[in-house]
C-alpha atoms as a PDB file:
ATOM      1  CA  GLN A   1      16.931   7.104   4.367  1.00  0.00           C
ATOM      2  CA  THR A   2      14.751   8.223   1.428  1.00  0.00           C
ATOM      3  CA  ASP A   3      11.147   8.008   0.503  1.00  0.00           C
ATOM      4  CA  VAL A   4      12.034   5.083  -1.365  1.00  0.00           C
ATOM      5  CA  GLU A   5      14.030   3.296   1.323  1.00  0.00           C
ATOM      6  CA  THR A   6      11.127   3.174   3.508  1.00  0.00           C
ATOM      7  CA  GLU A   7       8.617   2.037   1.432  1.00  0.00           C
ATOM      8  CA  PHE A   8      10.806  -0.742   0.416  1.00  0.00           C
ATOM      9  CA  ASN A   9      11.306  -1.543   4.030  1.00  0.00           C
ATOM     10  CA  ASN A  10       7.311  -1.198   4.839  1.00  0.00           C
ATOM     11  CA  VAL A  11       6.889  -3.923   1.860  1.00  0.00           C
ATOM     12  CA  ASN A  12       9.173  -6.060   2.984  1.00  0.00           C
ATOM     13  CA  LEU A  13       7.951  -5.834   6.461  1.00  0.00           C
ATOM     14  CA  VAL A  14       4.769  -6.717   5.176  1.00  0.00           C
ATOM     15  CA  ASP A  15       5.942  -9.424   2.891  1.00  0.00           C
ATOM     16  CA  ALA A  16       7.943 -10.670   6.342  1.00  0.00           C
ATOM     17  CA  ILE A  17       4.676 -10.975   8.157  1.00  0.00           C
ATOM     18  CA  ALA A  18       2.370 -12.643   5.211  1.00  0.00           C
ATOM     19  CA  LYS A  19       4.968 -15.058   5.126  1.00  0.00           C
ATOM     20  CA  THR A  20       4.801 -15.960   8.969  1.00  0.00           C
ATOM     21  CA  SER A  21       1.271 -16.488   8.088  1.00  0.00           C
ATOM     22  CA  VAL A  22       1.966 -18.963   5.776  1.00  0.00           C
ATOM     23  CA  GLU A  23       4.433 -21.069   7.334  1.00  0.00           C
ATOM     24  CA  MET A  24       2.329 -20.557  10.425  1.00  0.00           C
ATOM     25  CA  HIS A  25      -0.705 -22.599   8.251  1.00  0.00           C
ATOM     26  CA  ARG A  26       2.328 -24.648   6.859  1.00  0.00           C
ATOM     27  CA  LEU A  27       2.882 -26.081  10.515  1.00  0.00           C
ATOM     28  CA  GLY A  28      -0.592 -25.952  11.666  1.00  0.00           C
ATOM     29  CA  TRP A  29      -0.250 -23.245  14.368  1.00  0.00           C
ATOM     30  CA  ASP A  30      -3.259 -21.470  15.111  1.00  0.00           C
ATOM     31  CA  THR A  31      -3.082 -17.688  16.661  1.00  0.00           C
ATOM     32  CA  HIS A  32      -2.385 -18.867  20.298  1.00  0.00           C
ATOM     33  CA  GLN A  33      -0.132 -20.837  19.251  1.00  0.00           C
ATOM     34  CA  GLY A  34       1.607 -17.984  17.373  1.00  0.00           C
ATOM     35  CA  ARG A  35       0.950 -15.560  20.342  1.00  0.00           C
ATOM     36  CA  GLN A  36       2.188 -18.058  22.744  1.00  0.00           C
ATOM     37  CA  HIS A  37       5.640 -18.541  21.036  1.00  0.00           C
ATOM     38  CA  LEU A  38       5.960 -14.696  20.550  1.00  0.00           C
ATOM     39  CA  GLN A  39       5.192 -14.353  24.525  1.00  0.00           C
ATOM     40  CA  THR A  40       7.827 -16.246  25.357  1.00  0.00           C
ATOM     41  CA  THR A  41      10.556 -15.693  22.832  1.00  0.00           C
ATOM     42  CA  TYR A  42      10.405 -11.801  22.470  1.00  0.00           C
ATOM     43  CA  ASN A  43       7.713 -11.059  25.493  1.00  0.00           C
ATOM     44  CA  LYS A  44       5.433  -9.601  23.126  1.00  0.00           C
ATOM     45  CA  ARG A  45       1.960  -9.958  22.163  1.00  0.00           C
ATOM     46  CA  SER A  46       1.444 -10.021  18.500  1.00  0.00           C
ATOM     47  CA  ARG A  47       3.748  -9.703  15.203  1.00  0.00           C
ATOM     48  CA  GLY A  48       3.373  -5.902  15.319  1.00  0.00           C
ATOM     49  CA  GLU A  49       4.877  -5.705  18.174  1.00  0.00           C
ATOM     50  CA  LEU A  50       8.157  -7.263  17.128  1.00  0.00           C
ATOM     51  CA  THR A  51      11.079  -4.816  16.174  1.00  0.00           C
ATOM     52  CA  ASP A  52      12.230  -5.853  12.008  1.00  0.00           C
ATOM     53  CA  GLU A  53      15.033  -7.844  13.065  1.00  0.00           C
ATOM     54  CA  GLU A  54      12.258  -9.865  15.787  1.00  0.00           C
ATOM     55  CA  LEU A  55      10.105 -10.201  12.886  1.00  0.00           C
ATOM     56  CA  LEU A  56      12.947 -11.478  10.711  1.00  0.00           C
ATOM     57  CA  ASP A  57      14.299 -13.840  13.235  1.00  0.00           C
ATOM     58  CA  PHE A  58      10.443 -15.556  13.951  1.00  0.00           C
ATOM     59  CA  LEU A  59      10.150 -16.305  10.358  1.00  0.00           C
ATOM     60  CA  GLN A  60      13.472 -17.801   9.663  1.00  0.00           C
ATOM     61  CA  PHE A  61      12.532 -19.599  13.272  1.00  0.00           C
ATOM     62  CA  LEU A  62       9.174 -20.985  11.147  1.00  0.00           C
ATOM     63  CA  GLU A  63      10.581 -21.747   8.226  1.00  0.00           C
ATOM     64  CA  LYS A  64      13.233 -24.197   9.790  1.00  0.00           C
ATOM     65  CA  GLN A  65      10.614 -26.027  11.422  1.00  0.00           C
ATOM     66  CA  PRO A  66      10.123 -29.441   9.777  1.00  0.00           C
ATOM     67  CA  ASN A  67       6.305 -30.152   8.550  1.00  0.00           C
ATOM     68  CA  PRO A  68       4.538 -31.540  10.905  1.00  0.00           C
END
């Protein structure tokens, strides 16, 4: 990977984490609910521990949930 590709990927991951925060807020999830889902689904305690693929999977999961 070039430095530009690495930087692009890092920006996308930061953006994905930010989007998960927006989606969790939309759903009315608190930190505890988010952590419970991550623990149950990925056996990880925080978004920072997720692989790139898991993070994008989590974001897609949240985006598919209807408004409460």
